[in-house]
Amino acid sequence: MSARLTRKDIKRDEVMETLGGFVGFVSAHGKAIVLGIVALILLALAAAGYRALAASKAVEANQALAAALEVYTPADAEPSSEGATADDGEAGRVARAEALFAKVAEDFAGTDAADIAGAYLGSIAAARGDLETAREQWQRFVRRQKNHLLALEMRLNLMALESALGRGEELVDELRAQLASARSELPEEVLLNQLGVTLESLGRHEEAADIYRRLVQDFPQSPYSGNAGERLAALEAAAGEA
């Protein structure tokens, strides 16, 4: 028989050598390998358990938020299941709702429900004149939930807040900058409406009229167009009388 190994023999020997090395490695490190596999399995189970726990927590958080929202209803709504009665005053109802929202925010921190509860806490704070707390809560919501349906309302709240705090001129500059930018997170019609409102509040009526006119002409189907048309007519009438 020829002593020369064929290509097939060489390939077979390489495979056997590789398998032999692997078997030897497993024999020498068997315990470590088994422990590693067990660790991976436990990690996978832990991840699955975490997801299940997170889902359960989210459900519980949403239920708690729903209970708070049930209390935080208009004064002429039916009494809620949280112990409210028809004789309860507005202040008592809001106080109960605030306590429930605060509990959701504390007990379920990190969930969407907690962020929404914070937004409502901001609204309650604003209603009683605590504008700094309102700003803090709304800014946190926008920062954490920039794509949420409530984010637009929170941004508008923050803009109105700036005007209320005497920062109208700064707000005008910010709104004009956003209108000039292609990366604004707010629709153009929303920015135009807020700019018109802010300019009018500052007594810059001619500029406000120009903005309202632009809004009516460029966005006739916008829900802001009707109000803009009314404000434009009022400003033009006042200018005519002057």
C-alpha atoms as a PDB file:
ATOM      1  CA  MET A   1       0.000   0.000   0.000  1.00  0.00           C
ATOM      2  CA  SER A   2       1.329   3.443  -0.857  1.00  0.00           C
ATOM      3  CA  ALA A   3       2.613   5.445   2.054  1.00  0.00           C
ATOM      4  CA  ARG A   4       1.300   8.621   0.418  1.00  0.00           C
ATOM      5  CA  LEU A   5      -1.934   9.841   2.047  1.00  0.00           C
ATOM      6  CA  THR A   6      -4.706  10.769  -0.285  1.00  0.00           C
ATOM      7  CA  ARG A   7      -6.525  14.107   0.012  1.00  0.00           C
ATOM      8  CA  LYS A   8      -9.485  12.204   1.445  1.00  0.00           C
ATOM      9  CA  ASP A   9      -7.274  10.598   4.111  1.00  0.00           C
ATOM     10  CA  ILE A  10      -5.796  13.938   5.081  1.00  0.00           C
ATOM     11  CA  LYS A  11      -9.245  15.527   5.376  1.00  0.00           C
ATOM     12  CA  ARG A  12     -10.481  12.645   7.520  1.00  0.00           C
ATOM     13  CA  ASP A  13      -7.463  12.912   9.790  1.00  0.00           C
ATOM     14  CA  GLU A  14      -8.004  16.663  10.221  1.00  0.00           C
ATOM     15  CA  VAL A  15     -11.608  16.072  11.222  1.00  0.00           C
ATOM     16  CA  MET A  16     -10.661  13.352  13.680  1.00  0.00           C
ATOM     17  CA  GLU A  17      -7.935  15.515  15.134  1.00  0.00           C
ATOM     18  CA  THR A  18     -10.377  18.380  15.597  1.00  0.00           C
ATOM     19  CA  LEU A  19     -12.961  16.111  17.197  1.00  0.00           C
ATOM     20  CA  GLY A  20     -10.318  14.586  19.384  1.00  0.00           C
ATOM     21  CA  GLY A  21      -9.216  17.990  20.561  1.00  0.00           C
ATOM     22  CA  PHE A  22     -12.799  19.003  21.275  1.00  0.00           C
ATOM     23  CA  VAL A  23     -13.464  15.805  23.228  1.00  0.00           C
ATOM     24  CA  GLY A  24     -10.297  16.392  25.209  1.00  0.00           C
ATOM     25  CA  PHE A  25     -11.301  19.973  25.933  1.00  0.00           C
ATOM     26  CA  VAL A  26     -14.738  18.877  27.104  1.00  0.00           C
ATOM     27  CA  SER A  27     -13.185  16.195  29.310  1.00  0.00           C
ATOM     28  CA  ALA A  28     -10.817  18.677  30.885  1.00  0.00           C
ATOM     29  CA  HIS A  29     -13.365  21.490  31.261  1.00  0.00           C
ATOM     30  CA  GLY A  30     -16.603  19.555  31.508  1.00  0.00           C
ATOM     31  CA  LYS A  31     -17.772  21.081  34.771  1.00  0.00           C
ATOM     32  CA  ALA A  32     -17.125  24.627  33.602  1.00  0.00           C
ATOM     33  CA  ILE A  33     -18.976  24.030  30.334  1.00  0.00           C
ATOM     34  CA  VAL A  34     -21.984  22.552  32.102  1.00  0.00           C
ATOM     35  CA  LEU A  35     -22.055  25.460  34.537  1.00  0.00           C
ATOM     36  CA  GLY A  36     -21.841  27.885  31.612  1.00  0.00           C
ATOM     37  CA  ILE A  37     -24.769  26.233  29.860  1.00  0.00           C
ATOM     38  CA  VAL A  38     -26.780  26.261  33.070  1.00  0.00           C
ATOM     39  CA  ALA A  39     -25.952  29.951  33.524  1.00  0.00           C
ATOM     40  CA  LEU A  40     -27.182  30.734  30.002  1.00  0.00           C
ATOM     41  CA  ILE A  41     -30.408  28.842  30.630  1.00  0.00           C
ATOM     42  CA  LEU A  42     -30.965  30.658  33.911  1.00  0.00           C
ATOM     43  CA  LEU A  43     -30.243  33.987  32.226  1.00  0.00           C
ATOM     44  CA  ALA A  44     -32.820  33.234  29.517  1.00  0.00           C
ATOM     45  CA  LEU A  45     -35.370  32.227  32.150  1.00  0.00           C
ATOM     46  CA  ALA A  46     -34.630  35.360  34.157  1.00  0.00           C
ATOM     47  CA  ALA A  47     -35.119  37.529  31.053  1.00  0.00           C
ATOM     48  CA  ALA A  48     -38.448  35.825  30.324  1.00  0.00           C
ATOM     49  CA  GLY A  49     -39.478  36.245  33.951  1.00  0.00           C
ATOM     50  CA  TYR A  50     -38.504  39.927  33.884  1.00  0.00           C
ATOM     51  CA  ARG A  51     -40.598  40.500  30.779  1.00  0.00           C
ATOM     52  CA  ALA A  52     -43.565  38.782  32.398  1.00  0.00           C
ATOM     53  CA  LEU A  53     -43.070  40.804  35.588  1.00  0.00           C
ATOM     54  CA  ALA A  54     -42.771  44.044  33.618  1.00  0.00           C
ATOM     55  CA  ALA A  55     -45.966  43.246  31.721  1.00  0.00           C
ATOM     56  CA  SER A  56     -47.757  42.475  34.977  1.00  0.00           C
ATOM     57  CA  LYS A  57     -46.476  45.709  36.511  1.00  0.00           C
ATOM     58  CA  ALA A  58     -47.635  47.689  33.482  1.00  0.00           C
ATOM     59  CA  VAL A  59     -51.131  46.214  33.780  1.00  0.00           C
ATOM     60  CA  GLU A  60     -51.265  47.047  37.487  1.00  0.00           C
ATOM     61  CA  ALA A  61     -49.975  50.561  36.780  1.00  0.00           C
ATOM     62  CA  ASN A  62     -52.599  51.146  34.101  1.00  0.00           C
ATOM     63  CA  GLN A  63     -55.335  50.001  36.457  1.00  0.00           C
ATOM     64  CA  ALA A  64     -54.111  52.396  39.139  1.00  0.00           C
ATOM     65  CA  LEU A  65     -53.962  55.222  36.595  1.00  0.00           C
ATOM     66  CA  ALA A  66     -57.502  54.447  35.444  1.00  0.00           C
ATOM     67  CA  ALA A  67     -58.704  54.691  39.050  1.00  0.00           C
ATOM     68  CA  ALA A  68     -57.023  58.079  39.430  1.00  0.00           C
ATOM     69  CA  LEU A  69     -58.506  59.326  36.158  1.00  0.00           C
ATOM     70  CA  GLU A  70     -61.938  58.183  37.280  1.00  0.00           C
ATOM     71  CA  VAL A  71     -61.668  60.521  40.240  1.00  0.00           C
ATOM     72  CA  TYR A  72     -60.181  63.329  38.167  1.00  0.00           C
ATOM     73  CA  THR A  73     -63.394  63.955  36.238  1.00  0.00           C
ATOM     74  CA  PRO A  74     -65.450  67.130  35.708  1.00  0.00           C
ATOM     75  CA  ALA A  75     -67.366  68.279  38.747  1.00  0.00           C
ATOM     76  CA  ASP A  76     -70.701  67.512  37.098  1.00  0.00           C
ATOM     77  CA  ALA A  77     -69.721  63.906  36.373  1.00  0.00           C
ATOM     78  CA  GLU A  78     -71.184  61.012  38.325  1.00  0.00           C
ATOM     79  CA  PRO A  79     -69.455  60.119  41.615  1.00  0.00           C
ATOM     80  CA  SER A  80     -66.510  57.808  41.175  1.00  0.00           C
ATOM     81  CA  SER A  81     -65.977  54.402  42.714  1.00  0.00           C
ATOM     82  CA  GLU A  82     -63.171  55.747  44.914  1.00  0.00           C
ATOM     83  CA  GLY A  83     -65.550  57.014  47.557  1.00  0.00           C
ATOM     84  CA  ALA A  84     -66.612  60.316  46.065  1.00  0.00           C
ATOM     85  CA  THR A  85     -70.161  61.479  46.668  1.00  0.00           C
ATOM     86  CA  ALA A  86     -72.361  63.989  44.928  1.00  0.00           C
ATOM     87  CA  ASP A  87     -71.787  66.385  47.834  1.00  0.00           C
ATOM     88  CA  ASP A  88     -68.002  66.368  47.510  1.00  0.00           C
ATOM     89  CA  GLY A  89     -66.519  69.717  46.601  1.00  0.00           C
ATOM     90  CA  GLU A  90     -64.238  70.408  43.680  1.00  0.00           C
ATOM     91  CA  ALA A  91     -61.219  70.876  45.945  1.00  0.00           C
ATOM     92  CA  GLY A  92     -61.795  67.539  47.670  1.00  0.00           C
ATOM     93  CA  ARG A  93     -62.135  65.707  44.378  1.00  0.00           C
ATOM     94  CA  VAL A  94     -58.945  67.216  42.991  1.00  0.00           C
ATOM     95  CA  ALA A  95     -57.079  66.478  46.218  1.00  0.00           C
ATOM     96  CA  ARG A  96     -58.079  62.809  46.078  1.00  0.00           C
ATOM     97  CA  ALA A  97     -57.106  62.602  42.419  1.00  0.00           C
ATOM     98  CA  GLU A  98     -53.760  64.260  43.135  1.00  0.00           C
ATOM     99  CA  ALA A  99     -53.009  61.737  45.870  1.00  0.00           C
ATOM    100  CA  LEU A 100     -53.847  58.858  43.532  1.00  0.00           C
ATOM    101  CA  PHE A 101     -51.748  60.279  40.685  1.00  0.00           C
ATOM    102  CA  ALA A 102     -48.829  60.784  43.083  1.00  0.00           C
ATOM    103  CA  LYS A 103     -49.119  57.165  44.232  1.00  0.00           C
ATOM    104  CA  VAL A 104     -49.080  55.919  40.631  1.00  0.00           C
ATOM    105  CA  ALA A 105     -46.009  58.034  39.896  1.00  0.00           C
ATOM    106  CA  GLU A 106     -44.221  56.720  42.987  1.00  0.00           C
ATOM    107  CA  ASP A 107     -45.262  53.068  42.947  1.00  0.00           C
ATOM    108  CA  PHE A 108     -44.827  52.500  39.218  1.00  0.00           C
ATOM    109  CA  ALA A 109     -41.898  54.780  38.381  1.00  0.00           C
ATOM    110  CA  GLY A 110     -40.528  54.063  34.927  1.00  0.00           C
ATOM    111  CA  THR A 111     -43.842  53.005  33.393  1.00  0.00           C
ATOM    112  CA  ASP A 112     -45.922  54.936  30.873  1.00  0.00           C
ATOM    113  CA  ALA A 113     -48.700  55.166  33.444  1.00  0.00           C
ATOM    114  CA  ALA A 114     -46.369  56.890  35.911  1.00  0.00           C
ATOM    115  CA  ASP A 115     -45.341  59.422  33.266  1.00  0.00           C
ATOM    116  CA  ILE A 116     -48.977  60.168  32.419  1.00  0.00           C
ATOM    117  CA  ALA A 117     -49.775  60.538  36.116  1.00  0.00           C
ATOM    118  CA  GLY A 118     -46.949  63.071  36.322  1.00  0.00           C
ATOM    119  CA  ALA A 119     -48.445  65.065  33.465  1.00  0.00           C
ATOM    120  CA  TYR A 120     -51.744  65.285  35.343  1.00  0.00           C
ATOM    121  CA  LEU A 121     -49.915  66.264  38.510  1.00  0.00           C
ATOM    122  CA  GLY A 122     -48.448  69.130  36.484  1.00  0.00           C
ATOM    123  CA  SER A 123     -51.915  70.240  35.406  1.00  0.00           C
ATOM    124  CA  ILE A 124     -53.160  70.167  38.989  1.00  0.00           C
ATOM    125  CA  ALA A 125     -50.134  72.165  40.126  1.00  0.00           C
ATOM    126  CA  ALA A 126     -50.669  74.737  37.375  1.00  0.00           C
ATOM    127  CA  ALA A 127     -54.325  75.147  38.364  1.00  0.00           C
ATOM    128  CA  ARG A 128     -53.342  76.131  41.884  1.00  0.00           C
ATOM    129  CA  GLY A 129     -50.628  78.508  40.659  1.00  0.00           C
ATOM    130  CA  ASP A 130     -47.576  76.312  41.235  1.00  0.00           C
ATOM    131  CA  LEU A 131     -46.151  76.940  37.772  1.00  0.00           C
ATOM    132  CA  GLU A 132     -42.628  75.740  38.500  1.00  0.00           C
ATOM    133  CA  THR A 133     -43.870  72.305  39.577  1.00  0.00           C
ATOM    134  CA  ALA A 134     -46.086  72.211  36.505  1.00  0.00           C
ATOM    135  CA  ARG A 135     -43.144  72.991  34.260  1.00  0.00           C
ATOM    136  CA  GLU A 136     -40.995  70.317  35.910  1.00  0.00           C
ATOM    137  CA  GLN A 137     -43.665  67.640  35.474  1.00  0.00           C
ATOM    138  CA  TRP A 138     -44.465  68.558  31.870  1.00  0.00           C
ATOM    139  CA  GLN A 139     -40.825  68.777  30.868  1.00  0.00           C
ATOM    140  CA  ARG A 140     -40.206  65.328  32.359  1.00  0.00           C
ATOM    141  CA  PHE A 141     -43.132  63.922  30.401  1.00  0.00           C
ATOM    142  CA  VAL A 142     -41.962  65.415  27.089  1.00  0.00           C
ATOM    143  CA  ARG A 143     -38.428  64.208  27.745  1.00  0.00           C
ATOM    144  CA  ARG A 144     -39.526  60.638  28.444  1.00  0.00           C
ATOM    145  CA  GLN A 145     -42.558  60.383  26.145  1.00  0.00           C
ATOM    146  CA  LYS A 146     -41.735  62.578  23.151  1.00  0.00           C
ATOM    147  CA  ASN A 147     -43.822  60.418  20.781  1.00  0.00           C
ATOM    148  CA  HIS A 148     -46.825  60.006  23.060  1.00  0.00           C
ATOM    149  CA  LEU A 149     -50.185  61.447  22.020  1.00  0.00           C
ATOM    150  CA  LEU A 150     -50.115  63.719  25.085  1.00  0.00           C
ATOM    151  CA  ALA A 151     -46.682  65.107  24.200  1.00  0.00           C
ATOM    152  CA  LEU A 152     -48.137  67.759  21.875  1.00  0.00           C
ATOM    153  CA  GLU A 153     -50.474  68.999  24.584  1.00  0.00           C
ATOM    154  CA  MET A 154     -47.630  69.086  27.102  1.00  0.00           C
ATOM    155  CA  ARG A 155     -45.453  71.097  24.714  1.00  0.00           C
ATOM    156  CA  LEU A 156     -48.286  73.578  24.204  1.00  0.00           C
ATOM    157  CA  ASN A 157     -48.756  73.751  27.975  1.00  0.00           C
ATOM    158  CA  LEU A 158     -45.077  74.551  28.381  1.00  0.00           C
ATOM    159  CA  MET A 159     -45.290  77.312  25.783  1.00  0.00           C
ATOM    160  CA  ALA A 160     -48.309  78.853  27.499  1.00  0.00           C
ATOM    161  CA  LEU A 161     -46.429  78.563  30.767  1.00  0.00           C
ATOM    162  CA  GLU A 162     -43.463  80.499  29.386  1.00  0.00           C
ATOM    163  CA  SER A 163     -45.794  83.307  28.397  1.00  0.00           C
ATOM    164  CA  ALA A 164     -47.494  83.270  31.810  1.00  0.00           C
ATOM    165  CA  LEU A 165     -44.103  83.503  33.511  1.00  0.00           C
ATOM    166  CA  GLY A 166     -43.267  86.659  31.577  1.00  0.00           C
ATOM    167  CA  ARG A 167     -41.009  84.999  29.032  1.00  0.00           C
ATOM    168  CA  GLY A 168     -43.170  85.847  26.027  1.00  0.00           C
ATOM    169  CA  GLU A 169     -40.407  87.568  24.080  1.00  0.00           C
ATOM    170  CA  GLU A 170     -38.123  84.550  24.480  1.00  0.00           C
ATOM    171  CA  LEU A 171     -40.993  82.306  23.396  1.00  0.00           C
ATOM    172  CA  VAL A 172     -41.540  84.382  20.253  1.00  0.00           C
ATOM    173  CA  ASP A 173     -37.881  83.943  19.320  1.00  0.00           C
ATOM    174  CA  GLU A 174     -38.086  80.192  19.971  1.00  0.00           C
ATOM    175  CA  LEU A 175     -41.249  79.797  17.896  1.00  0.00           C
ATOM    176  CA  ARG A 176     -39.784  81.734  14.969  1.00  0.00           C
ATOM    177  CA  ALA A 177     -36.653  79.579  15.145  1.00  0.00           C
ATOM    178  CA  GLN A 178     -38.743  76.406  15.086  1.00  0.00           C
ATOM    179  CA  LEU A 179     -40.743  77.686  12.107  1.00  0.00           C
ATOM    180  CA  ALA A 180     -37.494  78.298  10.257  1.00  0.00           C
ATOM    181  CA  SER A 181     -36.175  74.842  11.134  1.00  0.00           C
ATOM    182  CA  ALA A 182     -36.965  71.687   9.216  1.00  0.00           C
ATOM    183  CA  ARG A 183     -36.488  69.611  12.367  1.00  0.00           C
ATOM    184  CA  SER A 184     -39.221  71.018  14.569  1.00  0.00           C
ATOM    185  CA  GLU A 185     -41.151  68.394  16.509  1.00  0.00           C
ATOM    186  CA  LEU A 186     -44.343  70.464  16.233  1.00  0.00           C
ATOM    187  CA  PRO A 187     -46.520  70.946  13.116  1.00  0.00           C
ATOM    188  CA  GLU A 188     -46.239  74.327  11.425  1.00  0.00           C
ATOM    189  CA  GLU A 189     -49.887  75.187  12.072  1.00  0.00           C
ATOM    190  CA  VAL A 190     -49.407  74.580  15.812  1.00  0.00           C
ATOM    191  CA  LEU A 191     -46.353  76.829  15.884  1.00  0.00           C
ATOM    192  CA  LEU A 192     -48.158  79.559  13.935  1.00  0.00           C
ATOM    193  CA  ASN A 193     -51.138  79.486  16.269  1.00  0.00           C
ATOM    194  CA  GLN A 194     -48.961  79.693  19.371  1.00  0.00           C
ATOM    195  CA  LEU A 195     -46.883  82.472  17.828  1.00  0.00           C
ATOM    196  CA  GLY A 196     -50.015  84.480  17.005  1.00  0.00           C
ATOM    197  CA  VAL A 197     -51.405  84.004  20.521  1.00  0.00           C
ATOM    198  CA  THR A 198     -48.088  84.979  22.111  1.00  0.00           C
ATOM    199  CA  LEU A 199     -47.615  88.058  19.931  1.00  0.00           C
ATOM    200  CA  GLU A 200     -51.162  89.178  20.708  1.00  0.00           C
ATOM    201  CA  SER A 201     -50.574  88.732  24.444  1.00  0.00           C
ATOM    202  CA  LEU A 202     -47.506  90.946  24.119  1.00  0.00           C
ATOM    203  CA  GLY A 203     -49.522  93.689  22.425  1.00  0.00           C
ATOM    204  CA  ARG A 204     -47.794  93.186  19.077  1.00  0.00           C
ATOM    205  CA  HIS A 205     -51.101  93.143  17.270  1.00  0.00           C
ATOM    206  CA  GLU A 206     -49.957  93.845  13.711  1.00  0.00           C
ATOM    207  CA  GLU A 207     -47.493  90.965  13.838  1.00  0.00           C
ATOM    208  CA  ALA A 208     -50.125  88.727  15.407  1.00  0.00           C
ATOM    209  CA  ALA A 209     -52.580  89.612  12.626  1.00  0.00           C
ATOM    210  CA  ASP A 210     -49.988  88.683  10.006  1.00  0.00           C
ATOM    211  CA  ILE A 211     -49.453  85.304  11.643  1.00  0.00           C
ATOM    212  CA  TYR A 212     -53.174  84.611  11.974  1.00  0.00           C
ATOM    213  CA  ARG A 213     -53.658  85.576   8.319  1.00  0.00           C
ATOM    214  CA  ARG A 214     -50.899  83.193   7.268  1.00  0.00           C
ATOM    215  CA  LEU A 215     -52.442  80.397   9.325  1.00  0.00           C
ATOM    216  CA  VAL A 216     -55.888  80.916   7.776  1.00  0.00           C
ATOM    217  CA  GLN A 217     -54.519  81.062   4.243  1.00  0.00           C
ATOM    218  CA  ASP A 218     -52.025  78.195   4.447  1.00  0.00           C
ATOM    219  CA  PHE A 219     -54.022  75.835   6.673  1.00  0.00           C
ATOM    220  CA  PRO A 220     -57.729  76.440   5.982  1.00  0.00           C
ATOM    221  CA  GLN A 221     -58.671  72.934   7.171  1.00  0.00           C
ATOM    222  CA  SER A 222     -56.716  73.169  10.404  1.00  0.00           C
ATOM    223  CA  PRO A 223     -58.643  73.089  13.694  1.00  0.00           C
ATOM    224  CA  TYR A 224     -56.673  76.231  14.573  1.00  0.00           C
ATOM    225  CA  SER A 225     -57.908  78.098  11.501  1.00  0.00           C
ATOM    226  CA  GLY A 226     -61.305  78.992  12.943  1.00  0.00           C
ATOM    227  CA  ASN A 227     -59.886  80.625  16.058  1.00  0.00           C
ATOM    228  CA  ALA A 228     -57.196  82.351  13.998  1.00  0.00           C
ATOM    229  CA  GLY A 229     -59.883  83.802  11.711  1.00  0.00           C
ATOM    230  CA  GLU A 230     -61.843  85.113  14.683  1.00  0.00           C
ATOM    231  CA  ARG A 231     -58.773  86.693  16.256  1.00  0.00           C
ATOM    232  CA  LEU A 232     -57.747  88.200  12.918  1.00  0.00           C
ATOM    233  CA  ALA A 233     -61.192  89.765  12.453  1.00  0.00           C
ATOM    234  CA  ALA A 234     -61.105  91.173  15.991  1.00  0.00           C
ATOM    235  CA  LEU A 235     -57.636  92.659  15.492  1.00  0.00           C
ATOM    236  CA  GLU A 236     -58.561  94.167  12.147  1.00  0.00           C
ATOM    237  CA  ALA A 237     -61.726  95.652  13.630  1.00  0.00           C
ATOM    238  CA  ALA A 238     -59.757  97.148  16.533  1.00  0.00           C
ATOM    239  CA  ALA A 239     -57.205  98.577  14.105  1.00  0.00           C
ATOM    240  CA  GLY A 240     -59.986 100.114  12.018  1.00  0.00           C
ATOM    241  CA  GLU A 241     -61.547 101.782  15.046  1.00  0.00           C
ATOM    242  CA  ALA A 242     -58.188 103.153  16.073  1.00  0.00           C
END
